[in-house]
Amino acid sequence: MAKTLTKKAAVERDGSMSLGGHMKELRNRLAVCAAVFVIGTVYFLANAAKLVTLLADMGRVYGYQFVVISPQEKLLQYFRLAIMAAIILTIPVILYQIWAFAKPGLKKSENLFFGMTLLLGLGLFCVGVLFAYKVTLPFMLNFLITLEGTDFITAQISIASYLSFVLMIFTIFGCIFEIPLVTIILAKLGIASPTLMKKGRGVAIVICFFVAAVITPPDIVSQTLVAIPMVLLYQISIWLAKIFYKPHLDDDDEDDEETDED
């Protein structure tokens, strides 16, 4: 019996675990994520009116009047925002659980890089959403309601359409601000080299302004407000590529290195 306990303790010290142990750990981590999602949904549903008011206030400043075009529309938007807010709340928990589950099988350097990648990704997405909320959306909403030649049209917008527009802009900018993170990952894999990114800078700037023209109203101010951050993020990505770039070695080169080590 003592030998069995000693052997079990040794296995745990080595970090090894049976398939059943892995499945149990995975089940527990999924249960934590599910619990956070359910609790978050209940909490945000109780405060859904405040969330709608917070987002609608941006449009009301510029004269937007919101209406509902179906009896259940307002209630559905409450559920929609509550679920989306709960998902946002749960994402950091999910990422942490993934990192904690994979941590025993990672090297120290890989573990550090994986953790920093998760934190950087969350931070960049939040910065992108904040930029959209503070800078881009006010200009876009003001432009769209002040179009010349249509003074006889009163802006009474469906609250569902308005929230869809706002959440779409948040998502777009959150993803745009992930450019540096994608560059770091590609550079670590030996794909995104600083030299290649410098050569493609002119093309990248044109693409940035094209994307900005597609996702914003057709005025130069809004397009510039979207394109300039994208260009700056691309430049930052070049600097990051210089730091994290690891040239990809061919199999022959790797064999030569192993031979030299032997």
C-alpha atoms as a PDB file:
ATOM      1  CA  MET A   1       0.000   0.000   0.000  1.00  0.00           C
ATOM      2  CA  ALA A   2       2.804   2.359   0.913  1.00  0.00           C
ATOM      3  CA  LYS A   3       4.580   1.530  -2.333  1.00  0.00           C
ATOM      4  CA  THR A   4       1.392   2.333  -4.283  1.00  0.00           C
ATOM      5  CA  LEU A   5       1.009   5.702  -2.599  1.00  0.00           C
ATOM      6  CA  THR A   6       4.688   6.476  -3.167  1.00  0.00           C
ATOM      7  CA  LYS A   7       4.406   5.564  -6.820  1.00  0.00           C
ATOM      8  CA  LYS A   8       1.277   7.704  -7.202  1.00  0.00           C
ATOM      9  CA  ALA A   9       2.983  10.656  -5.571  1.00  0.00           C
ATOM     10  CA  ALA A  10       5.981  10.228  -7.877  1.00  0.00           C
ATOM     11  CA  VAL A  11       3.759  10.248 -10.892  1.00  0.00           C
ATOM     12  CA  GLU A  12       2.152  13.463  -9.707  1.00  0.00           C
ATOM     13  CA  ARG A  13       5.558  15.017  -9.110  1.00  0.00           C
ATOM     14  CA  ASP A  14       6.574  14.103 -12.656  1.00  0.00           C
ATOM     15  CA  GLY A  15       3.506  15.882 -13.949  1.00  0.00           C
ATOM     16  CA  SER A  16       2.134  12.806 -15.697  1.00  0.00           C
ATOM     17  CA  MET A  17      -1.562  12.044 -15.638  1.00  0.00           C
ATOM     18  CA  SER A  18      -3.783   9.295 -16.943  1.00  0.00           C
ATOM     19  CA  LEU A  19      -6.371   9.842 -19.670  1.00  0.00           C
ATOM     20  CA  GLY A  20      -9.127   9.702 -17.066  1.00  0.00           C
ATOM     21  CA  GLY A  21      -7.345  12.353 -15.038  1.00  0.00           C
ATOM     22  CA  HIS A  22      -7.069  14.627 -18.065  1.00  0.00           C
ATOM     23  CA  MET A  23     -10.749  14.161 -18.874  1.00  0.00           C
ATOM     24  CA  LYS A  24     -11.728  14.950 -15.293  1.00  0.00           C
ATOM     25  CA  GLU A  25      -9.589  18.084 -15.296  1.00  0.00           C
ATOM     26  CA  LEU A  26     -11.067  19.161 -18.633  1.00  0.00           C
ATOM     27  CA  ARG A  27     -14.595  18.577 -17.309  1.00  0.00           C
ATOM     28  CA  ASN A  28     -13.897  20.683 -14.234  1.00  0.00           C
ATOM     29  CA  ARG A  29     -12.472  23.530 -16.300  1.00  0.00           C
ATOM     30  CA  LEU A  30     -15.458  23.457 -18.674  1.00  0.00           C
ATOM     31  CA  ALA A  31     -17.765  23.521 -15.650  1.00  0.00           C
ATOM     32  CA  VAL A  32     -16.018  26.665 -14.372  1.00  0.00           C
ATOM     33  CA  CYS A  33     -16.453  28.376 -17.763  1.00  0.00           C
ATOM     34  CA  ALA A  34     -20.115  27.366 -17.943  1.00  0.00           C
ATOM     35  CA  ALA A  35     -20.748  28.622 -14.410  1.00  0.00           C
ATOM     36  CA  VAL A  36     -19.158  31.998 -15.170  1.00  0.00           C
ATOM     37  CA  PHE A  37     -21.248  32.288 -18.350  1.00  0.00           C
ATOM     38  CA  VAL A  38     -24.526  31.474 -16.583  1.00  0.00           C
ATOM     39  CA  ILE A  39     -23.837  33.812 -13.666  1.00  0.00           C
ATOM     40  CA  GLY A  40     -22.759  36.562 -16.071  1.00  0.00           C
ATOM     41  CA  THR A  41     -25.891  36.123 -18.184  1.00  0.00           C
ATOM     42  CA  VAL A  42     -28.159  36.430 -15.145  1.00  0.00           C
ATOM     43  CA  TYR A  43     -26.281  39.475 -13.856  1.00  0.00           C
ATOM     44  CA  PHE A  44     -26.210  41.324 -17.177  1.00  0.00           C
ATOM     45  CA  LEU A  45     -29.833  40.450 -17.889  1.00  0.00           C
ATOM     46  CA  ALA A  46     -30.755  42.160 -14.625  1.00  0.00           C
ATOM     47  CA  ASN A  47     -28.798  45.219 -15.828  1.00  0.00           C
ATOM     48  CA  ALA A  48     -29.668  44.997 -19.525  1.00  0.00           C
ATOM     49  CA  ALA A  49     -31.563  48.295 -19.483  1.00  0.00           C
ATOM     50  CA  LYS A  50     -28.399  50.069 -18.312  1.00  0.00           C
ATOM     51  CA  LEU A  51     -26.385  48.481 -21.139  1.00  0.00           C
ATOM     52  CA  VAL A  52     -28.916  49.587 -23.744  1.00  0.00           C
ATOM     53  CA  THR A  53     -28.969  53.096 -22.279  1.00  0.00           C
ATOM     54  CA  LEU A  54     -25.166  53.280 -22.311  1.00  0.00           C
ATOM     55  CA  LEU A  55     -24.962  52.392 -25.995  1.00  0.00           C
ATOM     56  CA  ALA A  56     -28.006  54.416 -27.022  1.00  0.00           C
ATOM     57  CA  ASP A  57     -26.716  57.574 -25.351  1.00  0.00           C
ATOM     58  CA  MET A  58     -24.056  57.887 -28.058  1.00  0.00           C
ATOM     59  CA  GLY A  59     -26.751  58.233 -30.696  1.00  0.00           C
ATOM     60  CA  ARG A  60     -29.125  60.354 -28.625  1.00  0.00           C
ATOM     61  CA  VAL A  61     -26.427  63.019 -28.312  1.00  0.00           C
ATOM     62  CA  TYR A  62     -26.649  63.559 -32.086  1.00  0.00           C
ATOM     63  CA  GLY A  63     -30.451  63.514 -32.258  1.00  0.00           C
ATOM     64  CA  TYR A  64     -31.214  59.867 -32.932  1.00  0.00           C
ATOM     65  CA  GLN A  65     -34.657  58.693 -31.840  1.00  0.00           C
ATOM     66  CA  PHE A  66     -34.993  54.976 -31.267  1.00  0.00           C
ATOM     67  CA  VAL A  67     -38.117  52.917 -31.824  1.00  0.00           C
ATOM     68  CA  VAL A  68     -39.129  49.260 -31.712  1.00  0.00           C
ATOM     69  CA  ILE A  69     -40.901  47.749 -34.703  1.00  0.00           C
ATOM     70  CA  SER A  70     -42.128  44.558 -33.061  1.00  0.00           C
ATOM     71  CA  PRO A  71     -43.597  43.824 -29.618  1.00  0.00           C
ATOM     72  CA  GLN A  72     -40.749  41.538 -28.559  1.00  0.00           C
ATOM     73  CA  GLU A  73     -37.873  43.578 -30.025  1.00  0.00           C
ATOM     74  CA  LYS A  74     -36.951  45.394 -26.822  1.00  0.00           C
ATOM     75  CA  LEU A  75     -36.941  42.191 -24.763  1.00  0.00           C
ATOM     76  CA  LEU A  76     -34.881  40.372 -27.388  1.00  0.00           C
ATOM     77  CA  GLN A  77     -32.263  43.131 -27.327  1.00  0.00           C
ATOM     78  CA  TYR A  78     -32.017  42.781 -23.552  1.00  0.00           C
ATOM     79  CA  PHE A  79     -31.303  39.073 -23.929  1.00  0.00           C
ATOM     80  CA  ARG A  80     -28.933  39.724 -26.812  1.00  0.00           C
ATOM     81  CA  LEU A  81     -26.802  42.222 -24.922  1.00  0.00           C
ATOM     82  CA  ALA A  82     -26.840  40.118 -21.754  1.00  0.00           C
ATOM     83  CA  ILE A  83     -25.604  37.043 -23.615  1.00  0.00           C
ATOM     84  CA  MET A  84     -22.926  38.995 -25.504  1.00  0.00           C
ATOM     85  CA  ALA A  85     -21.715  40.676 -22.315  1.00  0.00           C
ATOM     86  CA  ALA A  86     -21.599  37.282 -20.589  1.00  0.00           C
ATOM     87  CA  ILE A  87     -19.556  35.865 -23.477  1.00  0.00           C
ATOM     88  CA  ILE A  88     -17.103  38.763 -23.207  1.00  0.00           C
ATOM     89  CA  LEU A  89     -16.855  38.153 -19.469  1.00  0.00           C
ATOM     90  CA  THR A  90     -16.285  34.427 -20.008  1.00  0.00           C
ATOM     91  CA  ILE A  91     -13.611  34.732 -22.723  1.00  0.00           C
ATOM     92  CA  PRO A  92     -10.775  35.633 -20.296  1.00  0.00           C
ATOM     93  CA  VAL A  93     -11.818  32.728 -18.083  1.00  0.00           C
ATOM     94  CA  ILE A  94     -11.815  30.358 -21.067  1.00  0.00           C
ATOM     95  CA  LEU A  95      -8.374  31.549 -22.166  1.00  0.00           C
ATOM     96  CA  TYR A  96      -7.023  31.137 -18.652  1.00  0.00           C
ATOM     97  CA  GLN A  97      -8.440  27.615 -18.420  1.00  0.00           C
ATOM     98  CA  ILE A  98      -6.848  26.722 -21.754  1.00  0.00           C
ATOM     99  CA  TRP A  99      -3.509  28.060 -20.564  1.00  0.00           C
ATOM    100  CA  ALA A 100      -3.767  26.262 -17.208  1.00  0.00           C
ATOM    101  CA  PHE A 101      -4.726  22.982 -18.932  1.00  0.00           C
ATOM    102  CA  ALA A 102      -1.816  23.182 -21.390  1.00  0.00           C
ATOM    103  CA  LYS A 103       0.710  24.577 -18.903  1.00  0.00           C
ATOM    104  CA  PRO A 104       2.118  21.232 -17.637  1.00  0.00           C
ATOM    105  CA  GLY A 105       3.003  20.174 -21.185  1.00  0.00           C
ATOM    106  CA  LEU A 106       4.729  23.421 -22.184  1.00  0.00           C
ATOM    107  CA  LYS A 107       8.338  24.428 -21.804  1.00  0.00           C
ATOM    108  CA  LYS A 108       9.102  27.404 -19.597  1.00  0.00           C
ATOM    109  CA  SER A 109       9.696  29.703 -22.597  1.00  0.00           C
ATOM    110  CA  GLU A 110       6.580  28.403 -24.373  1.00  0.00           C
ATOM    111  CA  ASN A 111       4.528  28.836 -21.229  1.00  0.00           C
ATOM    112  CA  LEU A 112       5.663  32.444 -20.845  1.00  0.00           C
ATOM    113  CA  PHE A 113       5.011  33.227 -24.515  1.00  0.00           C
ATOM    114  CA  PHE A 114       1.564  31.607 -24.417  1.00  0.00           C
ATOM    115  CA  GLY A 115       0.546  33.553 -21.311  1.00  0.00           C
ATOM    116  CA  MET A 116       1.833  36.860 -22.696  1.00  0.00           C
ATOM    117  CA  THR A 117       0.016  36.212 -25.983  1.00  0.00           C
ATOM    118  CA  LEU A 118      -3.303  35.716 -24.204  1.00  0.00           C
ATOM    119  CA  LEU A 119      -2.899  38.869 -22.116  1.00  0.00           C
ATOM    120  CA  LEU A 120      -1.778  40.934 -25.106  1.00  0.00           C
ATOM    121  CA  GLY A 121      -4.678  39.696 -27.228  1.00  0.00           C
ATOM    122  CA  LEU A 122      -7.238  40.654 -24.583  1.00  0.00           C
ATOM    123  CA  GLY A 123      -5.606  44.029 -24.002  1.00  0.00           C
ATOM    124  CA  LEU A 124      -5.441  44.903 -27.698  1.00  0.00           C
ATOM    125  CA  PHE A 125      -9.068  43.937 -28.268  1.00  0.00           C
ATOM    126  CA  CYS A 126     -10.181  46.123 -25.355  1.00  0.00           C
ATOM    127  CA  VAL A 127      -8.115  49.045 -26.675  1.00  0.00           C
ATOM    128  CA  GLY A 128      -9.711  48.620 -30.112  1.00  0.00           C
ATOM    129  CA  VAL A 129     -13.230  48.655 -28.667  1.00  0.00           C
ATOM    130  CA  LEU A 130     -12.393  51.696 -26.521  1.00  0.00           C
ATOM    131  CA  PHE A 131     -10.993  53.517 -29.552  1.00  0.00           C
ATOM    132  CA  ALA A 132     -14.183  52.792 -31.496  1.00  0.00           C
ATOM    133  CA  TYR A 133     -16.344  53.957 -28.586  1.00  0.00           C
ATOM    134  CA  LYS A 134     -14.454  57.178 -27.927  1.00  0.00           C
ATOM    135  CA  VAL A 135     -13.274  58.232 -31.396  1.00  0.00           C
ATOM    136  CA  THR A 136     -14.749  56.439 -34.394  1.00  0.00           C
ATOM    137  CA  LEU A 137     -18.417  55.943 -33.505  1.00  0.00           C
ATOM    138  CA  PRO A 138     -19.101  59.587 -32.517  1.00  0.00           C
ATOM    139  CA  PHE A 139     -17.822  60.808 -35.897  1.00  0.00           C
ATOM    140  CA  MET A 140     -19.687  58.128 -37.828  1.00  0.00           C
ATOM    141  CA  LEU A 141     -22.990  58.677 -36.021  1.00  0.00           C
ATOM    142  CA  ASN A 142     -22.736  62.441 -36.424  1.00  0.00           C
ATOM    143  CA  PHE A 143     -21.991  62.139 -40.149  1.00  0.00           C
ATOM    144  CA  LEU A 144     -24.805  59.693 -40.848  1.00  0.00           C
ATOM    145  CA  ILE A 145     -27.455  61.881 -39.240  1.00  0.00           C
ATOM    146  CA  THR A 146     -26.270  65.150 -40.786  1.00  0.00           C
ATOM    147  CA  LEU A 147     -26.354  64.109 -44.445  1.00  0.00           C
ATOM    148  CA  GLU A 148     -27.297  67.099 -46.585  1.00  0.00           C
ATOM    149  CA  GLY A 149     -30.324  67.092 -48.877  1.00  0.00           C
ATOM    150  CA  THR A 150     -32.556  64.912 -46.711  1.00  0.00           C
ATOM    151  CA  ASP A 151     -33.762  67.358 -44.072  1.00  0.00           C
ATOM    152  CA  PHE A 152     -37.342  66.113 -44.403  1.00  0.00           C
ATOM    153  CA  ILE A 153     -36.312  62.650 -43.143  1.00  0.00           C
ATOM    154  CA  THR A 154     -36.511  62.142 -39.385  1.00  0.00           C
ATOM    155  CA  ALA A 155     -34.030  59.697 -37.918  1.00  0.00           C
ATOM    156  CA  GLN A 156     -36.134  57.179 -36.008  1.00  0.00           C
ATOM    157  CA  ILE A 157     -33.943  54.127 -35.900  1.00  0.00           C
ATOM    158  CA  SER A 158     -34.890  50.621 -34.814  1.00  0.00           C
ATOM    159  CA  ILE A 159     -33.007  49.880 -31.609  1.00  0.00           C
ATOM    160  CA  ALA A 160     -32.123  46.438 -32.994  1.00  0.00           C
ATOM    161  CA  SER A 161     -30.533  47.964 -36.116  1.00  0.00           C
ATOM    162  CA  TYR A 162     -28.657  50.543 -34.063  1.00  0.00           C
ATOM    163  CA  LEU A 163     -27.242  47.988 -31.629  1.00  0.00           C
ATOM    164  CA  SER A 164     -26.242  45.721 -34.534  1.00  0.00           C
ATOM    165  CA  PHE A 165     -24.339  48.617 -36.104  1.00  0.00           C
ATOM    166  CA  VAL A 166     -22.583  49.582 -32.861  1.00  0.00           C
ATOM    167  CA  LEU A 167     -21.610  46.000 -31.992  1.00  0.00           C
ATOM    168  CA  MET A 168     -20.331  45.449 -35.549  1.00  0.00           C
ATOM    169  CA  ILE A 169     -18.044  48.497 -35.273  1.00  0.00           C
ATOM    170  CA  PHE A 170     -16.801  47.322 -31.877  1.00  0.00           C
ATOM    171  CA  THR A 171     -15.995  43.889 -33.305  1.00  0.00           C
ATOM    172  CA  ILE A 172     -14.247  45.309 -36.378  1.00  0.00           C
ATOM    173  CA  PHE A 173     -11.985  47.581 -34.363  1.00  0.00           C
ATOM    174  CA  GLY A 174     -11.304  44.929 -31.772  1.00  0.00           C
ATOM    175  CA  CYS A 175     -10.088  42.647 -34.552  1.00  0.00           C
ATOM    176  CA  ILE A 176      -8.098  45.406 -36.297  1.00  0.00           C
ATOM    177  CA  PHE A 177      -6.155  46.092 -33.117  1.00  0.00           C
ATOM    178  CA  GLU A 178      -5.079  42.431 -33.040  1.00  0.00           C
ATOM    179  CA  ILE A 179      -2.689  43.081 -35.952  1.00  0.00           C
ATOM    180  CA  PRO A 180       0.410  43.329 -33.693  1.00  0.00           C
ATOM    181  CA  LEU A 181      -0.469  40.045 -31.976  1.00  0.00           C
ATOM    182  CA  VAL A 182      -0.896  38.243 -35.308  1.00  0.00           C
ATOM    183  CA  THR A 183       2.455  39.662 -36.407  1.00  0.00           C
ATOM    184  CA  ILE A 184       4.188  38.388 -33.258  1.00  0.00           C
ATOM    185  CA  ILE A 185       2.829  34.874 -33.791  1.00  0.00           C
ATOM    186  CA  LEU A 186       3.762  34.830 -37.490  1.00  0.00           C
ATOM    187  CA  ALA A 187       7.210  36.228 -36.694  1.00  0.00           C
ATOM    188  CA  LYS A 188       7.808  33.511 -34.083  1.00  0.00           C
ATOM    189  CA  LEU A 189       6.852  30.943 -36.724  1.00  0.00           C
ATOM    190  CA  GLY A 190       9.332  32.488 -39.160  1.00  0.00           C
ATOM    191  CA  ILE A 191       6.638  33.634 -41.610  1.00  0.00           C
ATOM    192  CA  ALA A 192       6.433  37.421 -41.116  1.00  0.00           C
ATOM    193  CA  SER A 193       9.954  38.752 -41.595  1.00  0.00           C
ATOM    194  CA  PRO A 194      10.718  42.455 -40.974  1.00  0.00           C
ATOM    195  CA  THR A 195      12.286  42.738 -44.432  1.00  0.00           C
ATOM    196  CA  LEU A 196       9.181  41.396 -46.140  1.00  0.00           C
ATOM    197  CA  MET A 197       6.908  43.677 -44.118  1.00  0.00           C
ATOM    198  CA  LYS A 198       9.022  46.729 -44.960  1.00  0.00           C
ATOM    199  CA  LYS A 199       8.869  45.923 -48.666  1.00  0.00           C
ATOM    200  CA  GLY A 200       5.091  45.534 -48.480  1.00  0.00           C
ATOM    201  CA  ARG A 201       4.507  48.706 -46.451  1.00  0.00           C
ATOM    202  CA  GLY A 202       3.263  50.720 -49.452  1.00  0.00           C
ATOM    203  CA  VAL A 203       0.763  48.042 -50.429  1.00  0.00           C
ATOM    204  CA  ALA A 204      -0.312  47.686 -46.801  1.00  0.00           C
ATOM    205  CA  ILE A 205      -1.034  51.429 -46.518  1.00  0.00           C
ATOM    206  CA  VAL A 206      -3.219  51.303 -49.624  1.00  0.00           C
ATOM    207  CA  ILE A 207      -5.071  48.287 -48.214  1.00  0.00           C
ATOM    208  CA  CYS A 208      -5.582  50.101 -44.895  1.00  0.00           C
ATOM    209  CA  PHE A 209      -7.212  53.083 -46.601  1.00  0.00           C
ATOM    210  CA  PHE A 210      -9.292  50.785 -48.799  1.00  0.00           C
ATOM    211  CA  VAL A 211     -10.582  48.864 -45.775  1.00  0.00           C
ATOM    212  CA  ALA A 212     -11.265  52.154 -43.987  1.00  0.00           C
ATOM    213  CA  ALA A 213     -13.277  53.379 -46.973  1.00  0.00           C
ATOM    214  CA  VAL A 214     -15.364  50.200 -46.969  1.00  0.00           C
ATOM    215  CA  ILE A 215     -16.234  50.077 -43.267  1.00  0.00           C
ATOM    216  CA  THR A 216     -16.816  53.806 -42.687  1.00  0.00           C
ATOM    217  CA  PRO A 217     -19.173  56.443 -44.148  1.00  0.00           C
ATOM    218  CA  PRO A 218     -17.878  58.143 -47.325  1.00  0.00           C
ATOM    219  CA  ASP A 219     -16.255  61.139 -45.670  1.00  0.00           C
ATOM    220  CA  ILE A 220     -12.540  61.768 -45.443  1.00  0.00           C
ATOM    221  CA  VAL A 221     -12.556  62.416 -41.694  1.00  0.00           C
ATOM    222  CA  SER A 222     -14.017  59.040 -40.711  1.00  0.00           C
ATOM    223  CA  GLN A 223     -11.841  57.182 -43.199  1.00  0.00           C
ATOM    224  CA  THR A 224      -8.716  58.891 -41.914  1.00  0.00           C
ATOM    225  CA  LEU A 225      -9.639  58.156 -38.295  1.00  0.00           C
ATOM    226  CA  VAL A 226      -9.851  54.460 -39.157  1.00  0.00           C
ATOM    227  CA  ALA A 227      -6.914  54.246 -41.576  1.00  0.00           C
ATOM    228  CA  ILE A 228      -4.314  56.082 -39.473  1.00  0.00           C
ATOM    229  CA  PRO A 229      -4.530  53.637 -36.505  1.00  0.00           C
ATOM    230  CA  MET A 230      -4.269  50.735 -38.942  1.00  0.00           C
ATOM    231  CA  VAL A 231      -1.136  52.215 -40.533  1.00  0.00           C
ATOM    232  CA  LEU A 232       0.382  52.896 -37.110  1.00  0.00           C
ATOM    233  CA  LEU A 233      -0.415  49.341 -36.010  1.00  0.00           C
ATOM    234  CA  TYR A 234       1.312  48.039 -39.137  1.00  0.00           C
ATOM    235  CA  GLN A 235       4.392  50.105 -38.346  1.00  0.00           C
ATOM    236  CA  ILE A 236       4.359  48.830 -34.765  1.00  0.00           C
ATOM    237  CA  SER A 237       4.060  45.318 -36.179  1.00  0.00           C
ATOM    238  CA  ILE A 238       7.271  45.842 -38.181  1.00  0.00           C
ATOM    239  CA  TRP A 239       9.125  46.766 -34.985  1.00  0.00           C
ATOM    240  CA  LEU A 240       7.671  43.747 -33.217  1.00  0.00           C
ATOM    241  CA  ALA A 241       8.695  41.500 -36.106  1.00  0.00           C
ATOM    242  CA  LYS A 242      12.296  42.661 -35.637  1.00  0.00           C
ATOM    243  CA  ILE A 243      12.145  41.539 -32.011  1.00  0.00           C
ATOM    244  CA  PHE A 244      10.324  38.223 -32.364  1.00  0.00           C
ATOM    245  CA  TYR A 245      11.297  37.042 -35.851  1.00  0.00           C
ATOM    246  CA  LYS A 246      12.905  33.614 -35.905  1.00  0.00           C
ATOM    247  CA  PRO A 247      14.119  32.501 -39.346  1.00  0.00           C
ATOM    248  CA  HIS A 248      12.689  29.164 -40.414  1.00  0.00           C
ATOM    249  CA  LEU A 249      15.440  26.575 -40.762  1.00  0.00           C
ATOM    250  CA  ASP A 250      15.265  23.976 -43.486  1.00  0.00           C
ATOM    251  CA  ASP A 251      15.499  20.327 -42.602  1.00  0.00           C
ATOM    252  CA  ASP A 252      19.028  20.158 -44.028  1.00  0.00           C
ATOM    253  CA  ASP A 253      20.130  23.078 -41.879  1.00  0.00           C
ATOM    254  CA  GLU A 254      18.595  21.468 -38.803  1.00  0.00           C
ATOM    255  CA  ASP A 255      20.391  18.202 -39.564  1.00  0.00           C
ATOM    256  CA  ASP A 256      23.685  20.092 -39.952  1.00  0.00           C
ATOM    257  CA  GLU A 257      23.137  21.794 -36.589  1.00  0.00           C
ATOM    258  CA  GLU A 258      22.426  18.456 -34.908  1.00  0.00           C
ATOM    259  CA  THR A 259      25.580  16.984 -36.502  1.00  0.00           C
ATOM    260  CA  ASP A 260      27.671  19.888 -35.253  1.00  0.00           C
ATOM    261  CA  GLU A 261      26.270  19.461 -31.764  1.00  0.00           C
ATOM    262  CA  ASP A 262      27.126  15.755 -31.833  1.00  0.00           C
END
